[in-house]
Amino acid sequence: LAIGYVGQAIGLGMGVGSGKSAFICSLQVVFVSVICAFRAGRISRATLASTALALSGAAFLELGGVLEGGSLSVGVADAYL
């Protein structure tokens, strides 16, 4: 948890926007569900649907600038997040 906090602070200090930072950090919900599904040996339709819903919901909430015509670029500072 502390490593994640420090990485996020470094990324924000290097100029990553707060919305982009929140989106990248909220991807842990998607990663955890996918990893658990793979460990169980199968991916159910409910897992796929909930993962897609979580990903799209986080994108709509936290990437507003991109949806309004902005660009989503990936830089070195994003690696810290």
PDB file of N, CA and C in Angstrom:
ATOM      1  N   LEU A   1       0.824  -1.183   0.000  1.00  0.00           N
ATOM      2  CA  LEU A   1       0.000   0.000   0.000  1.00  0.00           C
ATOM      3  C   LEU A   1       0.871   1.249   0.000  1.00  0.00           C
ATOM      4  N   ALA A   2       1.916   1.241   0.799  1.00  0.00           N
ATOM      5  CA  ALA A   2       2.809   2.396   0.865  1.00  0.00           C
ATOM      6  C   ALA A   2       3.536   2.603  -0.450  1.00  0.00           C
ATOM      7  N   ILE A   3       3.915   1.520  -1.114  1.00  0.00           N
ATOM      8  CA  ILE A   3       4.609   1.636  -2.397  1.00  0.00           C
ATOM      9  C   ILE A   3       3.677   2.261  -3.438  1.00  0.00           C
ATOM     10  N   GLY A   4       2.422   1.869  -3.425  1.00  0.00           N
ATOM     11  CA  GLY A   4       1.450   2.460  -4.341  1.00  0.00           C
ATOM     12  C   GLY A   4       1.240   3.932  -4.092  1.00  0.00           C
ATOM     13  N   TYR A   5       1.178   4.316  -2.833  1.00  0.00           N
ATOM     14  CA  TYR A   5       1.008   5.725  -2.488  1.00  0.00           C
ATOM     15  C   TYR A   5       2.206   6.550  -2.940  1.00  0.00           C
ATOM     16  N   VAL A   6       3.399   6.044  -2.696  1.00  0.00           N
ATOM     17  CA  VAL A   6       4.607   6.760  -3.095  1.00  0.00           C
ATOM     18  C   VAL A   6       4.681   6.871  -4.616  1.00  0.00           C
ATOM     19  N   GLY A   7       4.360   5.792  -5.304  1.00  0.00           N
ATOM     20  CA  GLY A   7       4.365   5.828  -6.768  1.00  0.00           C
ATOM     21  C   GLY A   7       3.364   6.829  -7.319  1.00  0.00           C
ATOM     22  N   GLN A   8       2.195   6.884  -6.713  1.00  0.00           N
ATOM     23  CA  GLN A   8       1.196   7.847  -7.164  1.00  0.00           C
ATOM     24  C   GLN A   8       1.656   9.273  -6.890  1.00  0.00           C
ATOM     25  N   ALA A   9       2.269   9.511  -5.752  1.00  0.00           N
ATOM     26  CA  ALA A   9       2.773  10.848  -5.429  1.00  0.00           C
ATOM     27  C   ALA A   9       3.873  11.268  -6.400  1.00  0.00           C
ATOM     28  N   ILE A  10       4.748  10.341  -6.765  1.00  0.00           N
ATOM     29  CA  ILE A  10       5.811  10.656  -7.733  1.00  0.00           C
ATOM     30  C   ILE A  10       5.200  10.976  -9.094  1.00  0.00           C
ATOM     31  N   GLY A  11       4.249  10.155  -9.536  1.00  0.00           N
ATOM     32  CA  GLY A  11       3.604  10.390 -10.829  1.00  0.00           C
ATOM     33  C   GLY A  11       2.885  11.724 -10.877  1.00  0.00           C
ATOM     34  N   LEU A  12       2.165  12.061  -9.817  1.00  0.00           N
ATOM     35  CA  LEU A  12       1.475  13.348  -9.773  1.00  0.00           C
ATOM     36  C   LEU A  12       2.472  14.497  -9.755  1.00  0.00           C
ATOM     37  N   GLY A  13       3.592  14.310  -9.062  1.00  0.00           N
ATOM     38  CA  GLY A  13       4.621  15.330  -9.024  1.00  0.00           C
ATOM     39  C   GLY A  13       5.295  15.540 -10.374  1.00  0.00           C
ATOM     40  N   MET A  14       5.289  14.513 -11.211  1.00  0.00           N
ATOM     41  CA  MET A  14       5.905  14.614 -12.532  1.00  0.00           C
ATOM     42  C   MET A  14       4.940  15.164 -13.578  1.00  0.00           C
ATOM     43  N   GLY A  15       3.715  15.480 -13.155  1.00  0.00           N
ATOM     44  CA  GLY A  15       2.793  16.142 -14.073  1.00  0.00           C
ATOM     45  C   GLY A  15       1.639  15.311 -14.593  1.00  0.00           C
ATOM     46  N   VAL A  16       1.435  14.114 -14.098  1.00  0.00           N
ATOM     47  CA  VAL A  16       0.290  13.320 -14.520  1.00  0.00           C
ATOM     48  C   VAL A  16      -0.966  13.965 -13.934  1.00  0.00           C
ATOM     49  N   GLY A  17      -2.012  14.058 -14.728  1.00  0.00           N
ATOM     50  CA  GLY A  17      -3.258  14.635 -14.258  1.00  0.00           C
ATOM     51  C   GLY A  17      -3.922  13.765 -13.204  1.00  0.00           C
ATOM     52  N   SER A  18      -4.692  14.397 -12.335  1.00  0.00           N
ATOM     53  CA  SER A  18      -5.319  13.643 -11.248  1.00  0.00           C
ATOM     54  C   SER A  18      -6.359  12.655 -11.755  1.00  0.00           C
ATOM     55  N   GLY A  19      -7.087  13.007 -12.812  1.00  0.00           N
ATOM     56  CA  GLY A  19      -8.069  12.084 -13.371  1.00  0.00           C
ATOM     57  C   GLY A  19      -7.426  10.852 -13.966  1.00  0.00           C
ATOM     58  N   LYS A  20      -6.331  11.062 -14.682  1.00  0.00           N
ATOM     59  CA  LYS A  20      -5.601   9.936 -15.269  1.00  0.00           C
ATOM     60  C   LYS A  20      -5.005   9.061 -14.175  1.00  0.00           C
ATOM     61  N   SER A  21      -4.498   9.697 -13.125  1.00  0.00           N
ATOM     62  CA  SER A  21      -3.943   8.952 -12.003  1.00  0.00           C
ATOM     63  C   SER A  21      -5.009   8.109 -11.321  1.00  0.00           C
ATOM     64  N   ALA A  22      -6.171   8.694 -11.122  1.00  0.00           N
ATOM     65  CA  ALA A  22      -7.269   7.950 -10.485  1.00  0.00           C
ATOM     66  C   ALA A  22      -7.722   6.787 -11.349  1.00  0.00           C
ATOM     67  N   PHE A  23      -7.746   6.980 -12.668  1.00  0.00           N
ATOM     68  CA  PHE A  23      -8.155   5.897 -13.563  1.00  0.00           C
ATOM     69  C   PHE A  23      -7.172   4.740 -13.501  1.00  0.00           C
ATOM     70  N   ILE A  24      -5.886   5.044 -13.576  1.00  0.00           N
ATOM     71  CA  ILE A  24      -4.876   3.987 -13.542  1.00  0.00           C
ATOM     72  C   ILE A  24      -4.933   3.244 -12.212  1.00  0.00           C
ATOM     73  N   CYS A  25      -5.106   3.977 -11.114  1.00  0.00           N
ATOM     74  CA  CYS A  25      -5.170   3.331  -9.805  1.00  0.00           C
ATOM     75  C   CYS A  25      -6.453   2.527  -9.621  1.00  0.00           C
ATOM     76  N   SER A  26      -7.533   2.951 -10.261  1.00  0.00           N
ATOM     77  CA  SER A  26      -8.780   2.201 -10.127  1.00  0.00           C
ATOM     78  C   SER A  26      -8.780   0.929 -10.973  1.00  0.00           C
ATOM     79  N   LEU A  27      -7.801   0.781 -11.835  1.00  0.00           N
ATOM     80  CA  LEU A  27      -7.701  -0.445 -12.626  1.00  0.00           C
ATOM     81  C   LEU A  27      -7.396  -1.667 -11.769  1.00  0.00           C
ATOM     82  N   GLN A  28      -7.038  -1.454 -10.511  1.00  0.00           N
ATOM     83  CA  GLN A  28      -6.798  -2.599  -9.636  1.00  0.00           C
ATOM     84  C   GLN A  28      -8.052  -3.452  -9.488  1.00  0.00           C
ATOM     85  N   VAL A  29      -9.222  -2.845  -9.576  1.00  0.00           N
ATOM     86  CA  VAL A  29     -10.480  -3.590  -9.508  1.00  0.00           C
ATOM     87  C   VAL A  29     -10.552  -4.569 -10.665  1.00  0.00           C
ATOM     88  N   VAL A  30     -10.180  -4.121 -11.844  1.00  0.00           N
ATOM     89  CA  VAL A  30     -10.211  -4.970 -13.028  1.00  0.00           C
ATOM     90  C   VAL A  30      -9.155  -6.062 -12.923  1.00  0.00           C
ATOM     91  N   PHE A  31      -7.945  -5.697 -12.521  1.00  0.00           N
ATOM     92  CA  PHE A  31      -6.870  -6.675 -12.432  1.00  0.00           C
ATOM     93  C   PHE A  31      -7.165  -7.763 -11.406  1.00  0.00           C
ATOM     94  N   VAL A  32      -7.709  -7.381 -10.264  1.00  0.00           N
ATOM     95  CA  VAL A  32      -8.009  -8.371  -9.221  1.00  0.00           C
ATOM     96  C   VAL A  32      -9.066  -9.355  -9.700  1.00  0.00           C
ATOM     97  N   SER A  33     -10.117  -8.865 -10.352  1.00  0.00           N
ATOM     98  CA  SER A  33     -11.164  -9.781 -10.821  1.00  0.00           C
ATOM     99  C   SER A  33     -10.647 -10.717 -11.905  1.00  0.00           C
ATOM    100  N   VAL A  34      -9.812 -10.230 -12.785  1.00  0.00           N
ATOM    101  CA  VAL A  34      -9.266 -11.077 -13.846  1.00  0.00           C
ATOM    102  C   VAL A  34      -8.296 -12.108 -13.269  1.00  0.00           C
ATOM    103  N   ILE A  35      -7.446 -11.696 -12.348  1.00  0.00           N
ATOM    104  CA  ILE A  35      -6.507 -12.636 -11.731  1.00  0.00           C
ATOM    105  C   ILE A  35      -7.253 -13.719 -10.963  1.00  0.00           C
ATOM    106  N   CYS A  36      -8.278 -13.343 -10.220  1.00  0.00           N
ATOM    107  CA  CYS A  36      -9.070 -14.339  -9.481  1.00  0.00           C
ATOM    108  C   CYS A  36      -9.770 -15.302 -10.430  1.00  0.00           C
ATOM    109  N   ALA A  37     -10.259 -14.795 -11.543  1.00  0.00           N
ATOM    110  CA  ALA A  37     -10.917 -15.668 -12.514  1.00  0.00           C
ATOM    111  C   ALA A  37      -9.932 -16.654 -13.123  1.00  0.00           C
ATOM    112  N   PHE A  38      -8.733 -16.193 -13.451  1.00  0.00           N
ATOM    113  CA  PHE A  38      -7.727 -17.100 -14.007  1.00  0.00           C
ATOM    114  C   PHE A  38      -7.288 -18.137 -12.982  1.00  0.00           C
ATOM    115  N   ARG A  39      -7.184 -17.743 -11.722  1.00  0.00           N
ATOM    116  CA  ARG A  39      -6.789 -18.704 -10.686  1.00  0.00           C
ATOM    117  C   ARG A  39      -7.867 -19.739 -10.457  1.00  0.00           C
ATOM    118  N   ALA A  40      -9.124 -19.356 -10.670  1.00  0.00           N
ATOM    119  CA  ALA A  40     -10.226 -20.306 -10.519  1.00  0.00           C
ATOM    120  C   ALA A  40     -10.305 -21.259 -11.702  1.00  0.00           C
ATOM    121  N   GLY A  41      -9.645 -20.899 -12.805  1.00  0.00           N
ATOM    122  CA  GLY A  41      -9.623 -21.781 -13.959  1.00  0.00           C
ATOM    123  C   GLY A  41     -10.686 -21.479 -14.984  1.00  0.00           C
ATOM    124  N   ARG A  42     -11.548 -20.504 -14.728  1.00  0.00           N
ATOM    125  CA  ARG A  42     -12.576 -20.150 -15.699  1.00  0.00           C
ATOM    126  C   ARG A  42     -12.987 -18.698 -15.479  1.00  0.00           C
ATOM    127  N   ILE A  43     -13.462 -18.118 -16.559  1.00  0.00           N
ATOM    128  CA  ILE A  43     -13.974 -16.752 -16.486  1.00  0.00           C
ATOM    129  C   ILE A  43     -15.453 -16.813 -16.835  1.00  0.00           C
ATOM    130  N   SER A  44     -16.276 -16.483 -15.874  1.00  0.00           N
ATOM    131  CA  SER A  44     -17.718 -16.539 -16.113  1.00  0.00           C
ATOM    132  C   SER A  44     -18.187 -15.297 -16.848  1.00  0.00           C
ATOM    133  N   ARG A  45     -19.386 -15.388 -17.396  1.00  0.00           N
ATOM    134  CA  ARG A  45     -19.965 -14.223 -18.078  1.00  0.00           C
ATOM    135  C   ARG A  45     -20.187 -13.084 -17.099  1.00  0.00           C
ATOM    136  N   ALA A  46     -20.534 -13.418 -15.874  1.00  0.00           N
ATOM    137  CA  ALA A  46     -20.745 -12.383 -14.866  1.00  0.00           C
ATOM    138  C   ALA A  46     -19.449 -11.629 -14.569  1.00  0.00           C
ATOM    139  N   THR A  47     -18.329 -12.356 -14.529  1.00  0.00           N
ATOM    140  CA  THR A  47     -17.036 -11.710 -14.305  1.00  0.00           C
ATOM    141  C   THR A  47     -16.684 -10.803 -15.473  1.00  0.00           C
ATOM    142  N   LEU A  48     -16.892 -11.269 -16.682  1.00  0.00           N
ATOM    143  CA  LEU A  48     -16.610 -10.442 -17.856  1.00  0.00           C
ATOM    144  C   LEU A  48     -17.484  -9.192 -17.875  1.00  0.00           C
ATOM    145  N   ALA A  49     -18.766  -9.365 -17.592  1.00  0.00           N
ATOM    146  CA  ALA A  49     -19.686  -8.222 -17.609  1.00  0.00           C
ATOM    147  C   ALA A  49     -19.342  -7.218 -16.515  1.00  0.00           C
ATOM    148  N   SER A  50     -19.051  -7.706 -15.318  1.00  0.00           N
ATOM    149  CA  SER A  50     -18.738  -6.786 -14.228  1.00  0.00           C
ATOM    150  C   SER A  50     -17.397  -6.094 -14.445  1.00  0.00           C
ATOM    151  N   THR A  51     -16.436  -6.786 -15.043  1.00  0.00           N
ATOM    152  CA  THR A  51     -15.150  -6.177 -15.355  1.00  0.00           C
ATOM    153  C   THR A  51     -15.313  -5.083 -16.402  1.00  0.00           C
ATOM    154  N   ALA A  52     -16.086  -5.351 -17.441  1.00  0.00           N
ATOM    155  CA  ALA A  52     -16.327  -4.337 -18.477  1.00  0.00           C
ATOM    156  C   ALA A  52     -17.080  -3.142 -17.908  1.00  0.00           C
ATOM    157  N   LEU A  53     -18.038  -3.399 -17.048  1.00  0.00           N
ATOM    158  CA  LEU A  53     -18.808  -2.318 -16.429  1.00  0.00           C
ATOM    159  C   LEU A  53     -17.920  -1.468 -15.519  1.00  0.00           C
ATOM    160  N   ALA A  54     -17.064  -2.105 -14.738  1.00  0.00           N
ATOM    161  CA  ALA A  54     -16.162  -1.365 -13.853  1.00  0.00           C
ATOM    162  C   ALA A  54     -15.178  -0.527 -14.652  1.00  0.00           C
ATOM    163  N   LEU A  55     -14.637  -1.080 -15.721  1.00  0.00           N
ATOM    164  CA  LEU A  55     -13.677  -0.368 -16.552  1.00  0.00           C
ATOM    165  C   LEU A  55     -14.325   0.826 -17.248  1.00  0.00           C
ATOM    166  N   SER A  56     -15.493   0.614 -17.838  1.00  0.00           N
ATOM    167  CA  SER A  56     -16.153   1.722 -18.534  1.00  0.00           C
ATOM    168  C   SER A  56     -16.643   2.783 -17.556  1.00  0.00           C
ATOM    169  N   GLY A  57     -17.133   2.383 -16.400  1.00  0.00           N
ATOM    170  CA  GLY A  57     -17.576   3.355 -15.402  1.00  0.00           C
ATOM    171  C   GLY A  57     -16.435   4.211 -14.893  1.00  0.00           C
ATOM    172  N   ALA A  58     -15.304   3.591 -14.626  1.00  0.00           N
ATOM    173  CA  ALA A  58     -14.136   4.347 -14.173  1.00  0.00           C
ATOM    174  C   ALA A  58     -13.652   5.295 -15.265  1.00  0.00           C
ATOM    175  N   ALA A  59     -13.699   4.848 -16.501  1.00  0.00           N
ATOM    176  CA  ALA A  59     -13.264   5.707 -17.607  1.00  0.00           C
ATOM    177  C   ALA A  59     -14.178   6.920 -17.746  1.00  0.00           C
ATOM    178  N   PHE A  60     -15.481   6.719 -17.663  1.00  0.00           N
ATOM    179  CA  PHE A  60     -16.409   7.845 -17.779  1.00  0.00           C
ATOM    180  C   PHE A  60     -16.260   8.830 -16.624  1.00  0.00           C
ATOM    181  N   LEU A  61     -16.014   8.317 -15.433  1.00  0.00           N
ATOM    182  CA  LEU A  61     -15.901   9.198 -14.274  1.00  0.00           C
ATOM    183  C   LEU A  61     -14.582   9.946 -14.210  1.00  0.00           C
ATOM    184  N   GLU A  62     -13.503   9.302 -14.602  1.00  0.00           N
ATOM    185  CA  GLU A  62     -12.177   9.849 -14.333  1.00  0.00           C
ATOM    186  C   GLU A  62     -11.420  10.344 -15.554  1.00  0.00           C
ATOM    187  N   LEU A  63     -11.912  10.056 -16.742  1.00  0.00           N
ATOM    188  CA  LEU A  63     -11.228  10.503 -17.955  1.00  0.00           C
ATOM    189  C   LEU A  63     -12.092  11.483 -18.740  1.00  0.00           C
ATOM    190  N   GLY A  64     -12.723  12.404 -18.043  1.00  0.00           N
ATOM    191  CA  GLY A  64     -13.628  13.356 -18.676  1.00  0.00           C
ATOM    192  C   GLY A  64     -12.977  14.193 -19.750  1.00  0.00           C
ATOM    193  N   GLY A  65     -11.734  14.601 -19.552  1.00  0.00           N
ATOM    194  CA  GLY A  65     -11.042  15.417 -20.551  1.00  0.00           C
ATOM    195  C   GLY A  65     -10.840  14.691 -21.863  1.00  0.00           C
ATOM    196  N   VAL A  66     -10.614  13.402 -21.805  1.00  0.00           N
ATOM    197  CA  VAL A  66     -10.418  12.610 -23.015  1.00  0.00           C
ATOM    198  C   VAL A  66     -11.733  12.511 -23.776  1.00  0.00           C
ATOM    199  N   LEU A  67     -12.825  12.336 -23.053  1.00  0.00           N
ATOM    200  CA  LEU A  67     -14.124  12.200 -23.688  1.00  0.00           C
ATOM    201  C   LEU A  67     -14.591  13.513 -24.309  1.00  0.00           C
ATOM    202  N   GLU A  68     -14.034  14.632 -23.879  1.00  0.00           N
ATOM    203  CA  GLU A  68     -14.403  15.931 -24.423  1.00  0.00           C
ATOM    204  C   GLU A  68     -13.465  16.382 -25.531  1.00  0.00           C
ATOM    205  N   GLY A  69     -12.723  15.492 -26.098  1.00  0.00           N
ATOM    206  CA  GLY A  69     -11.851  15.832 -27.210  1.00  0.00           C
ATOM    207  C   GLY A  69     -10.384  15.906 -26.855  1.00  0.00           C
ATOM    208  N   GLY A  70     -10.030  15.665 -25.622  1.00  0.00           N
ATOM    209  CA  GLY A  70      -8.622  15.670 -25.226  1.00  0.00           C
ATOM    210  C   GLY A  70      -7.927  14.411 -25.698  1.00  0.00           C
ATOM    211  N   SER A  71      -6.648  14.322 -25.441  1.00  0.00           N
ATOM    212  CA  SER A  71      -5.900  13.146 -25.866  1.00  0.00           C
ATOM    213  C   SER A  71      -5.468  12.343 -24.641  1.00  0.00           C
ATOM    214  N   LEU A  72      -5.352  11.061 -24.832  1.00  0.00           N
ATOM    215  CA  LEU A  72      -4.883  10.164 -23.785  1.00  0.00           C
ATOM    216  C   LEU A  72      -3.495   9.686 -24.186  1.00  0.00           C
ATOM    217  N   SER A  73      -2.483  10.327 -23.652  1.00  0.00           N
ATOM    218  CA  SER A  73      -1.120   9.958 -23.986  1.00  0.00           C
ATOM    219  C   SER A  73      -0.510   9.181 -22.823  1.00  0.00           C
ATOM    220  N   VAL A  74       0.457   8.349 -23.140  1.00  0.00           N
ATOM    221  CA  VAL A  74       1.148   7.557 -22.120  1.00  0.00           C
ATOM    222  C   VAL A  74       2.582   8.053 -22.058  1.00  0.00           C
ATOM    223  N   GLY A  75       3.018   8.382 -20.841  1.00  0.00           N
ATOM    224  CA  GLY A  75       4.361   8.902 -20.664  1.00  0.00           C
ATOM    225  C   GLY A  75       5.133   8.151 -19.590  1.00  0.00           C
ATOM    226  N   VAL A  76       6.338   8.589 -19.344  1.00  0.00           N
ATOM    227  CA  VAL A  76       7.212   7.945 -18.370  1.00  0.00           C
ATOM    228  C   VAL A  76       6.610   8.063 -16.966  1.00  0.00           C
ATOM    229  N   ALA A  77       6.002   9.189 -16.650  1.00  0.00           N
ATOM    230  CA  ALA A  77       5.437   9.399 -15.316  1.00  0.00           C
ATOM    231  C   ALA A  77       4.295   8.424 -15.026  1.00  0.00           C
ATOM    232  N   ASP A  78       3.627   7.924 -16.075  1.00  0.00           N
ATOM    233  CA  ASP A  78       2.535   6.968 -15.875  1.00  0.00           C
ATOM    234  C   ASP A  78       3.034   5.645 -15.310  1.00  0.00           C
ATOM    235  N   ALA A  79       4.279   5.321 -15.531  1.00  0.00           N
ATOM    236  CA  ALA A  79       4.841   4.069 -15.034  1.00  0.00           C
ATOM    237  C   ALA A  79       4.895   4.052 -13.509  1.00  0.00           C
ATOM    238  N   TYR A  80       5.000   5.221 -12.892  1.00  0.00           N
ATOM    239  CA  TYR A  80       5.040   5.290 -11.431  1.00  0.00           C
ATOM    240  C   TYR A  80       3.683   5.031 -10.807  1.00  0.00           C
ATOM    241  N   LEU A  81       2.627   5.237 -11.565  1.00  0.00           N
ATOM    242  CA  LEU A  81       1.296   5.036 -11.029  1.00  0.00           C
ATOM    243  C   LEU A  81       0.993   3.573 -10.979  1.00  0.00           C
TER     244      LEU A  81
END
